[in-house]
Amino acid sequence: MLGVDPGTQVTGWGYLEALEGRVVRAAWGGLKGKRTKPRAEVLADLSGQLRSVLATWRPQVVAVETPFVARFQKASLLLAETRGALLAVVGSQGCAVVEYEPARVKAWVVGNGRAEKQQVAWFVQRFLSLPQPLPPDAADALALALCHLLELQVLQPLG
């Protein structure tokens, strides 16, 4: 199960493997394009990086956050471009795509659809028993993967 959180600066990814109701493997990172390059090259770089992640972890399903309209139109456009490029890669690799609204992810992971980003990151860290805080983009991507596994009842929520 791979979660992908498209971003204008960094796209977070988080891989979770569950067995017998618990997470047995977790990996995460961030995809970054060089801002000095033309936008088409940045998107190509991000696409290549995601292809590499997919080749390494071979998920069957990829969870992606549904788009939202940012306060700034340019940021919304850049996010839409990033999301589109990444979805094209996922589709070309034959992975199923599931989409979740941010409030739904927060409700599954934290128990509150209006939770703050820091709360989500803390719950993800706690759920996965990680000794150190996660980078924000990776925490969001792992939250997407957790949300899907919780919704499928592969994992049980924290009590």
N, C-alpha and C. Protein backbone atom coordinates (compact mmCIF):
# COMPACT_ATOMS: atom_id res chain seq x y z
N MET A 1 0.85 -1.17 0.00
CA MET A 1 0.00 0.00 0.00
C MET A 1 0.90 1.23 0.00
N LEU A 2 0.69 2.08 -0.98
CA LEU A 2 1.48 3.30 -1.09
C LEU A 2 0.57 4.50 -0.99
N GLY A 3 0.93 5.45 -0.15
CA GLY A 3 0.24 6.73 -0.08
C GLY A 3 1.10 7.77 -0.76
N VAL A 4 0.47 8.64 -1.53
CA VAL A 4 1.20 9.72 -2.21
C VAL A 4 0.47 11.03 -1.93
N ASP A 5 1.21 11.98 -1.38
CA ASP A 5 0.66 13.29 -1.06
C ASP A 5 1.32 14.34 -1.96
N PRO A 6 0.68 14.65 -3.10
CA PRO A 6 1.27 15.63 -4.01
C PRO A 6 1.43 17.00 -3.34
N GLY A 7 2.55 17.62 -3.62
CA GLY A 7 2.81 18.95 -3.06
C GLY A 7 3.47 19.84 -4.09
N THR A 8 3.43 21.13 -3.85
CA THR A 8 4.06 22.05 -4.79
C THR A 8 5.58 22.10 -4.58
N GLN A 9 6.04 21.83 -3.36
CA GLN A 9 7.47 21.81 -3.06
C GLN A 9 8.00 20.39 -2.99
N VAL A 10 7.35 19.56 -2.18
CA VAL A 10 7.75 18.18 -1.96
C VAL A 10 6.51 17.30 -2.04
N THR A 11 6.63 16.20 -2.75
CA THR A 11 5.57 15.20 -2.78
C THR A 11 5.98 14.07 -1.86
N GLY A 12 5.19 13.87 -0.82
CA GLY A 12 5.51 12.81 0.12
C GLY A 12 5.00 11.46 -0.37
N TRP A 13 5.74 10.41 -0.02
CA TRP A 13 5.27 9.05 -0.30
C TRP A 13 5.50 8.22 0.95
N GLY A 14 4.61 7.26 1.14
CA GLY A 14 4.73 6.37 2.30
C GLY A 14 4.22 4.99 1.95
N TYR A 15 5.05 4.00 2.19
CA TYR A 15 4.70 2.61 1.88
C TYR A 15 4.46 1.85 3.18
N LEU A 16 3.36 1.11 3.22
CA LEU A 16 3.05 0.27 4.37
C LEU A 16 2.71 -1.13 3.89
N GLU A 17 3.24 -2.09 4.59
CA GLU A 17 2.91 -3.48 4.34
C GLU A 17 2.32 -4.04 5.62
N ALA A 18 1.14 -4.61 5.53
CA ALA A 18 0.46 -5.14 6.71
C ALA A 18 0.33 -6.66 6.59
N LEU A 19 0.45 -7.31 7.73
CA LEU A 19 0.30 -8.75 7.80
C LEU A 19 -0.33 -9.10 9.14
N GLU A 20 -1.37 -9.88 9.10
CA GLU A 20 -2.05 -10.33 10.31
C GLU A 20 -2.43 -9.16 11.24
N GLY A 21 -2.96 -8.10 10.63
CA GLY A 21 -3.48 -6.99 11.40
C GLY A 21 -2.47 -6.00 11.94
N ARG A 22 -1.23 -6.10 11.49
CA ARG A 22 -0.25 -5.11 11.96
C ARG A 22 0.69 -4.73 10.83
N VAL A 23 1.29 -3.55 10.96
CA VAL A 23 2.24 -3.07 9.97
C VAL A 23 3.57 -3.79 10.19
N VAL A 24 4.05 -4.44 9.15
CA VAL A 24 5.32 -5.17 9.27
C VAL A 24 6.45 -4.47 8.53
N ARG A 25 6.11 -3.51 7.68
CA ARG A 25 7.14 -2.76 6.97
C ARG A 25 6.62 -1.38 6.66
N ALA A 26 7.47 -0.39 6.87
CA ALA A 26 7.12 0.99 6.55
C ALA A 26 8.35 1.66 5.93
N ALA A 27 8.09 2.43 4.90
CA ALA A 27 9.15 3.21 4.26
C ALA A 27 8.52 4.52 3.79
N TRP A 28 9.31 5.55 3.68
CA TRP A 28 8.77 6.84 3.29
C TRP A 28 9.88 7.72 2.74
N GLY A 29 9.44 8.79 2.10
CA GLY A 29 10.40 9.74 1.56
C GLY A 29 9.68 10.88 0.88
N GLY A 30 10.45 11.67 0.17
CA GLY A 30 9.90 12.81 -0.53
C GLY A 30 10.47 12.90 -1.94
N LEU A 31 9.63 13.29 -2.86
CA LEU A 31 10.04 13.51 -4.24
C LEU A 31 10.18 15.01 -4.44
N LYS A 32 11.30 15.42 -5.00
CA LYS A 32 11.54 16.84 -5.19
C LYS A 32 12.05 17.10 -6.60
N GLY A 33 11.55 18.17 -7.18
CA GLY A 33 12.06 18.63 -8.47
C GLY A 33 12.87 19.88 -8.25
N LYS A 34 13.83 20.12 -9.12
CA LYS A 34 14.64 21.33 -9.00
C LYS A 34 13.85 22.52 -9.50
N ARG A 35 13.66 23.48 -8.62
CA ARG A 35 12.83 24.64 -8.95
C ARG A 35 13.44 25.52 -10.03
N THR A 36 14.71 25.35 -10.30
CA THR A 36 15.37 26.18 -11.32
C THR A 36 15.11 25.65 -12.73
N LYS A 37 14.58 24.44 -12.84
CA LYS A 37 14.31 23.85 -14.14
C LYS A 37 12.94 24.30 -14.65
N PRO A 38 12.74 24.20 -15.95
CA PRO A 38 11.40 24.48 -16.50
C PRO A 38 10.39 23.49 -15.90
N ARG A 39 9.14 23.92 -15.79
CA ARG A 39 8.10 23.11 -15.14
C ARG A 39 7.96 21.72 -15.75
N ALA A 40 8.04 21.62 -17.07
CA ALA A 40 7.92 20.31 -17.72
C ALA A 40 9.02 19.36 -17.25
N GLU A 41 10.22 19.88 -17.07
CA GLU A 41 11.33 19.04 -16.60
C GLU A 41 11.14 18.64 -15.13
N VAL A 42 10.61 19.55 -14.33
CA VAL A 42 10.33 19.24 -12.93
C VAL A 42 9.32 18.09 -12.85
N LEU A 43 8.26 18.18 -13.63
CA LEU A 43 7.24 17.13 -13.63
C LEU A 43 7.81 15.81 -14.13
N ALA A 44 8.68 15.87 -15.13
CA ALA A 44 9.33 14.65 -15.63
C ALA A 44 10.22 14.04 -14.55
N ASP A 45 10.96 14.88 -13.81
CA ASP A 45 11.80 14.40 -12.71
C ASP A 45 10.95 13.72 -11.64
N LEU A 46 9.86 14.37 -11.24
CA LEU A 46 8.97 13.79 -10.23
C LEU A 46 8.40 12.46 -10.70
N SER A 47 8.02 12.40 -11.96
CA SER A 47 7.47 11.18 -12.53
C SER A 47 8.50 10.05 -12.48
N GLY A 48 9.73 10.37 -12.84
CA GLY A 48 10.80 9.37 -12.80
C GLY A 48 11.07 8.88 -11.38
N GLN A 49 11.05 9.82 -10.43
CA GLN A 49 11.27 9.43 -9.04
C GLN A 49 10.14 8.52 -8.54
N LEU A 50 8.90 8.84 -8.91
CA LEU A 50 7.79 8.00 -8.49
C LEU A 50 7.87 6.62 -9.16
N ARG A 51 8.28 6.57 -10.41
CA ARG A 51 8.47 5.28 -11.08
C ARG A 51 9.46 4.42 -10.30
N SER A 52 10.51 5.04 -9.82
CA SER A 52 11.52 4.32 -9.04
C SER A 52 10.93 3.79 -7.73
N VAL A 53 10.13 4.60 -7.05
CA VAL A 53 9.47 4.17 -5.80
C VAL A 53 8.54 3.00 -6.09
N LEU A 54 7.77 3.10 -7.16
CA LEU A 54 6.84 2.02 -7.52
C LEU A 54 7.61 0.74 -7.88
N ALA A 55 8.73 0.88 -8.56
CA ALA A 55 9.53 -0.30 -8.92
C ALA A 55 10.15 -0.95 -7.69
N THR A 56 10.52 -0.15 -6.72
CA THR A 56 11.13 -0.68 -5.50
C THR A 56 10.10 -1.40 -4.63
N TRP A 57 8.95 -0.79 -4.39
CA TRP A 57 7.99 -1.32 -3.42
C TRP A 57 6.85 -2.12 -4.04
N ARG A 58 6.60 -1.95 -5.31
CA ARG A 58 5.58 -2.70 -6.05
C ARG A 58 4.21 -2.78 -5.37
N PRO A 59 3.63 -1.62 -5.04
CA PRO A 59 2.31 -1.65 -4.41
C PRO A 59 1.23 -2.02 -5.44
N GLN A 60 0.18 -2.62 -4.96
CA GLN A 60 -0.96 -2.92 -5.83
C GLN A 60 -1.93 -1.74 -5.85
N VAL A 61 -1.94 -0.99 -4.75
CA VAL A 61 -2.87 0.13 -4.60
C VAL A 61 -2.09 1.37 -4.18
N VAL A 62 -2.49 2.51 -4.74
CA VAL A 62 -1.90 3.79 -4.37
C VAL A 62 -3.03 4.71 -3.91
N ALA A 63 -2.90 5.24 -2.70
CA ALA A 63 -3.88 6.18 -2.16
C ALA A 63 -3.36 7.60 -2.38
N VAL A 64 -4.23 8.46 -2.89
CA VAL A 64 -3.87 9.84 -3.19
C VAL A 64 -4.94 10.75 -2.59
N GLU A 65 -4.49 11.88 -2.07
CA GLU A 65 -5.44 12.84 -1.52
C GLU A 65 -6.22 13.50 -2.67
N THR A 66 -7.53 13.69 -2.46
CA THR A 66 -8.34 14.38 -3.47
C THR A 66 -7.87 15.82 -3.58
N PRO A 67 -8.05 16.40 -4.74
CA PRO A 67 -7.59 17.78 -4.90
C PRO A 67 -8.45 18.76 -4.11
N PHE A 68 -7.84 19.84 -3.73
CA PHE A 68 -8.57 20.91 -3.08
C PHE A 68 -8.10 22.21 -3.70
N VAL A 69 -8.87 23.22 -3.56
CA VAL A 69 -8.51 24.52 -4.13
C VAL A 69 -7.77 25.31 -3.06
N ALA A 70 -6.54 25.63 -3.37
CA ALA A 70 -5.74 26.43 -2.45
C ALA A 70 -6.18 27.89 -2.53
N ARG A 71 -5.75 28.65 -1.55
CA ARG A 71 -6.10 30.08 -1.53
C ARG A 71 -5.54 30.82 -2.73
N PHE A 72 -4.42 30.34 -3.20
CA PHE A 72 -3.75 31.01 -4.30
C PHE A 72 -3.92 30.20 -5.58
N GLN A 73 -4.42 30.82 -6.62
CA GLN A 73 -4.71 30.12 -7.87
C GLN A 73 -3.47 29.46 -8.47
N LYS A 74 -2.34 30.15 -8.41
CA LYS A 74 -1.12 29.58 -8.98
C LYS A 74 -0.72 28.30 -8.24
N ALA A 75 -0.84 28.30 -6.93
CA ALA A 75 -0.52 27.10 -6.15
C ALA A 75 -1.46 25.96 -6.52
N SER A 76 -2.73 26.27 -6.72
CA SER A 76 -3.70 25.24 -7.12
C SER A 76 -3.34 24.64 -8.48
N LEU A 77 -2.93 25.50 -9.39
CA LEU A 77 -2.54 25.03 -10.71
C LEU A 77 -1.30 24.14 -10.63
N LEU A 78 -0.29 24.57 -9.90
CA LEU A 78 0.93 23.78 -9.76
C LEU A 78 0.63 22.43 -9.11
N LEU A 79 -0.22 22.44 -8.11
CA LEU A 79 -0.60 21.20 -7.43
C LEU A 79 -1.35 20.27 -8.38
N ALA A 80 -2.23 20.82 -9.19
CA ALA A 80 -2.98 20.02 -10.16
C ALA A 80 -2.04 19.41 -11.20
N GLU A 81 -1.06 20.18 -11.65
CA GLU A 81 -0.09 19.64 -12.60
C GLU A 81 0.70 18.49 -11.99
N THR A 82 1.16 18.69 -10.77
CA THR A 82 1.92 17.65 -10.08
C THR A 82 1.08 16.39 -9.91
N ARG A 83 -0.12 16.58 -9.43
CA ARG A 83 -1.03 15.45 -9.20
C ARG A 83 -1.29 14.70 -10.50
N GLY A 84 -1.53 15.43 -11.58
CA GLY A 84 -1.79 14.80 -12.87
C GLY A 84 -0.61 13.99 -13.37
N ALA A 85 0.58 14.55 -13.25
CA ALA A 85 1.79 13.83 -13.68
C ALA A 85 1.97 12.55 -12.87
N LEU A 86 1.74 12.63 -11.56
CA LEU A 86 1.92 11.46 -10.71
C LEU A 86 0.85 10.40 -10.97
N LEU A 87 -0.40 10.83 -11.17
CA LEU A 87 -1.46 9.87 -11.47
C LEU A 87 -1.20 9.16 -12.80
N ALA A 88 -0.63 9.87 -13.76
CA ALA A 88 -0.31 9.26 -15.05
C ALA A 88 0.72 8.14 -14.86
N VAL A 89 1.70 8.38 -14.00
CA VAL A 89 2.71 7.35 -13.72
C VAL A 89 2.07 6.15 -13.05
N VAL A 90 1.26 6.40 -12.04
CA VAL A 90 0.60 5.31 -11.31
C VAL A 90 -0.26 4.49 -12.27
N GLY A 91 -1.02 5.18 -13.12
CA GLY A 91 -1.86 4.49 -14.09
C GLY A 91 -1.04 3.67 -15.07
N SER A 92 0.09 4.20 -15.52
CA SER A 92 0.92 3.49 -16.48
C SER A 92 1.56 2.24 -15.89
N GLN A 93 1.66 2.20 -14.56
CA GLN A 93 2.26 1.05 -13.88
C GLN A 93 1.22 0.01 -13.49
N GLY A 94 -0.05 0.27 -13.78
CA GLY A 94 -1.10 -0.70 -13.52
C GLY A 94 -1.57 -0.79 -12.08
N CYS A 95 -1.25 0.21 -11.28
CA CYS A 95 -1.69 0.22 -9.88
C CYS A 95 -3.12 0.77 -9.80
N ALA A 96 -3.89 0.22 -8.89
CA ALA A 96 -5.21 0.77 -8.61
C ALA A 96 -5.02 2.07 -7.83
N VAL A 97 -5.90 3.03 -8.05
CA VAL A 97 -5.83 4.31 -7.34
C VAL A 97 -7.09 4.47 -6.51
N VAL A 98 -6.90 4.83 -5.24
CA VAL A 98 -8.01 5.21 -4.38
C VAL A 98 -7.75 6.64 -3.93
N GLU A 99 -8.81 7.41 -3.80
CA GLU A 99 -8.67 8.81 -3.42
C GLU A 99 -9.43 9.08 -2.15
N TYR A 100 -8.83 9.89 -1.28
CA TYR A 100 -9.45 10.23 0.00
C TYR A 100 -9.40 11.73 0.21
N GLU A 101 -10.49 12.26 0.72
CA GLU A 101 -10.52 13.67 1.11
C GLU A 101 -9.70 13.84 2.38
N PRO A 102 -9.06 15.00 2.54
CA PRO A 102 -8.23 15.22 3.74
C PRO A 102 -9.00 14.98 5.05
N ALA A 103 -10.25 15.42 5.13
CA ALA A 103 -11.01 15.24 6.37
C ALA A 103 -11.25 13.77 6.68
N ARG A 104 -11.43 12.98 5.65
CA ARG A 104 -11.64 11.54 5.86
C ARG A 104 -10.38 10.86 6.37
N VAL A 105 -9.24 11.25 5.83
CA VAL A 105 -7.95 10.71 6.29
C VAL A 105 -7.77 11.06 7.77
N LYS A 106 -7.99 12.31 8.10
CA LYS A 106 -7.84 12.76 9.49
C LYS A 106 -8.79 12.02 10.42
N ALA A 107 -10.01 11.80 9.97
CA ALA A 107 -11.00 11.09 10.80
C ALA A 107 -10.56 9.66 11.07
N TRP A 108 -10.05 8.97 10.07
CA TRP A 108 -9.60 7.60 10.26
C TRP A 108 -8.35 7.52 11.14
N VAL A 109 -7.39 8.40 10.88
CA VAL A 109 -6.10 8.30 11.56
C VAL A 109 -6.13 8.91 12.95
N VAL A 110 -6.78 10.07 13.09
CA VAL A 110 -6.78 10.79 14.37
C VAL A 110 -8.10 10.63 15.12
N GLY A 111 -9.18 10.41 14.36
CA GLY A 111 -10.50 10.35 14.99
C GLY A 111 -11.22 11.68 14.93
N ASN A 112 -10.62 12.65 14.23
CA ASN A 112 -11.19 13.99 14.12
C ASN A 112 -10.88 14.52 12.73
N GLY A 113 -11.90 14.73 11.92
CA GLY A 113 -11.72 15.20 10.55
C GLY A 113 -11.17 16.60 10.42
N ARG A 114 -11.09 17.33 11.55
CA ARG A 114 -10.54 18.69 11.53
C ARG A 114 -9.20 18.77 12.24
N ALA A 115 -8.54 17.64 12.42
CA ALA A 115 -7.25 17.61 13.11
C ALA A 115 -6.22 18.45 12.36
N GLU A 116 -5.27 18.96 13.10
CA GLU A 116 -4.17 19.73 12.52
C GLU A 116 -3.12 18.77 11.95
N LYS A 117 -2.30 19.28 11.03
CA LYS A 117 -1.25 18.45 10.42
C LYS A 117 -0.33 17.83 11.47
N GLN A 118 -0.01 18.60 12.52
CA GLN A 118 0.89 18.10 13.55
C GLN A 118 0.27 16.91 14.30
N GLN A 119 -1.04 16.97 14.51
CA GLN A 119 -1.73 15.86 15.17
C GLN A 119 -1.68 14.61 14.30
N VAL A 120 -1.90 14.78 13.02
CA VAL A 120 -1.85 13.64 12.10
C VAL A 120 -0.46 13.03 12.13
N ALA A 121 0.58 13.85 12.04
CA ALA A 121 1.95 13.35 12.06
C ALA A 121 2.25 12.62 13.37
N TRP A 122 1.77 13.15 14.49
CA TRP A 122 2.00 12.51 15.78
C TRP A 122 1.32 11.15 15.85
N PHE A 123 0.07 11.07 15.39
CA PHE A 123 -0.65 9.80 15.41
C PHE A 123 -0.01 8.77 14.49
N VAL A 124 0.46 9.20 13.32
CA VAL A 124 1.13 8.28 12.40
C VAL A 124 2.41 7.76 13.06
N GLN A 125 3.18 8.65 13.65
CA GLN A 125 4.41 8.24 14.34
C GLN A 125 4.09 7.23 15.44
N ARG A 126 3.05 7.51 16.21
CA ARG A 126 2.65 6.63 17.31
C ARG A 126 2.14 5.29 16.78
N PHE A 127 1.29 5.33 15.77
CA PHE A 127 0.72 4.11 15.19
C PHE A 127 1.82 3.18 14.69
N LEU A 128 2.84 3.76 14.06
CA LEU A 128 3.92 2.97 13.49
C LEU A 128 5.06 2.74 14.47
N SER A 129 4.92 3.24 15.69
CA SER A 129 5.94 3.09 16.74
C SER A 129 7.32 3.57 16.27
N LEU A 130 7.33 4.73 15.65
CA LEU A 130 8.58 5.30 15.15
C LEU A 130 9.23 6.14 16.24
N PRO A 131 10.55 6.03 16.40
CA PRO A 131 11.23 6.77 17.46
C PRO A 131 11.38 8.26 17.19
N GLN A 132 11.31 8.68 15.92
CA GLN A 132 11.52 10.08 15.58
C GLN A 132 10.36 10.62 14.77
N PRO A 133 10.13 11.93 14.85
CA PRO A 133 9.07 12.54 14.03
C PRO A 133 9.37 12.37 12.54
N LEU A 134 8.31 12.35 11.77
CA LEU A 134 8.42 12.20 10.32
C LEU A 134 8.44 13.56 9.63
N PRO A 135 9.05 13.63 8.46
CA PRO A 135 8.89 14.86 7.66
C PRO A 135 7.41 15.04 7.35
N PRO A 136 6.91 16.27 7.34
CA PRO A 136 5.47 16.51 7.16
C PRO A 136 4.87 15.85 5.92
N ASP A 137 5.55 15.92 4.78
CA ASP A 137 5.00 15.35 3.56
C ASP A 137 4.93 13.83 3.63
N ALA A 138 5.93 13.21 4.23
CA ALA A 138 5.92 11.75 4.39
C ALA A 138 4.84 11.34 5.39
N ALA A 139 4.65 12.11 6.44
CA ALA A 139 3.61 11.80 7.43
C ALA A 139 2.24 11.83 6.77
N ASP A 140 1.99 12.80 5.92
CA ASP A 140 0.71 12.89 5.22
C ASP A 140 0.52 11.70 4.28
N ALA A 141 1.58 11.31 3.59
CA ALA A 141 1.49 10.16 2.67
C ALA A 141 1.24 8.86 3.45
N LEU A 142 1.93 8.69 4.57
CA LEU A 142 1.70 7.50 5.40
C LEU A 142 0.28 7.51 5.97
N ALA A 143 -0.23 8.69 6.30
CA ALA A 143 -1.60 8.80 6.80
C ALA A 143 -2.59 8.33 5.73
N LEU A 144 -2.33 8.65 4.47
CA LEU A 144 -3.18 8.18 3.38
C LEU A 144 -3.16 6.65 3.29
N ALA A 145 -1.98 6.07 3.39
CA ALA A 145 -1.86 4.61 3.34
C ALA A 145 -2.56 3.98 4.55
N LEU A 146 -2.35 4.56 5.73
CA LEU A 146 -3.02 4.07 6.94
C LEU A 146 -4.53 4.16 6.81
N CYS A 147 -5.02 5.27 6.30
CA CYS A 147 -6.45 5.47 6.12
C CYS A 147 -7.03 4.33 5.29
N HIS A 148 -6.38 3.99 4.19
CA HIS A 148 -6.89 2.93 3.33
C HIS A 148 -6.88 1.58 4.05
N LEU A 149 -5.81 1.28 4.74
CA LEU A 149 -5.73 0.01 5.46
C LEU A 149 -6.75 -0.06 6.60
N LEU A 150 -6.99 1.06 7.26
CA LEU A 150 -8.00 1.10 8.32
C LEU A 150 -9.39 0.94 7.74
N GLU A 151 -9.64 1.60 6.62
CA GLU A 151 -10.95 1.51 6.01
C GLU A 151 -11.24 0.08 5.52
N LEU A 152 -10.22 -0.59 5.05
CA LEU A 152 -10.38 -1.98 4.61
C LEU A 152 -10.43 -2.96 5.78
N GLN A 153 -10.20 -2.43 6.97
CA GLN A 153 -10.14 -3.23 8.21
C GLN A 153 -8.99 -4.24 8.21
N VAL A 154 -7.94 -3.89 7.47
CA VAL A 154 -6.71 -4.67 7.51
C VAL A 154 -5.99 -4.38 8.82
N LEU A 155 -6.16 -3.16 9.32
CA LEU A 155 -5.59 -2.72 10.60
C LEU A 155 -6.74 -2.21 11.47
N GLN A 156 -6.51 -2.19 12.77
CA GLN A 156 -7.49 -1.66 13.71
C GLN A 156 -7.00 -0.30 14.20
N PRO A 157 -7.92 0.66 14.40
CA PRO A 157 -7.52 1.97 14.92
C PRO A 157 -6.88 1.85 16.30
N LEU A 158 -6.06 2.84 16.64
CA LEU A 158 -5.48 2.89 17.98
C LEU A 158 -6.59 3.07 18.99
N GLY A 159 -6.48 2.39 20.12
CA GLY A 159 -7.54 2.46 21.13
C GLY A 159 -7.39 3.49 22.13
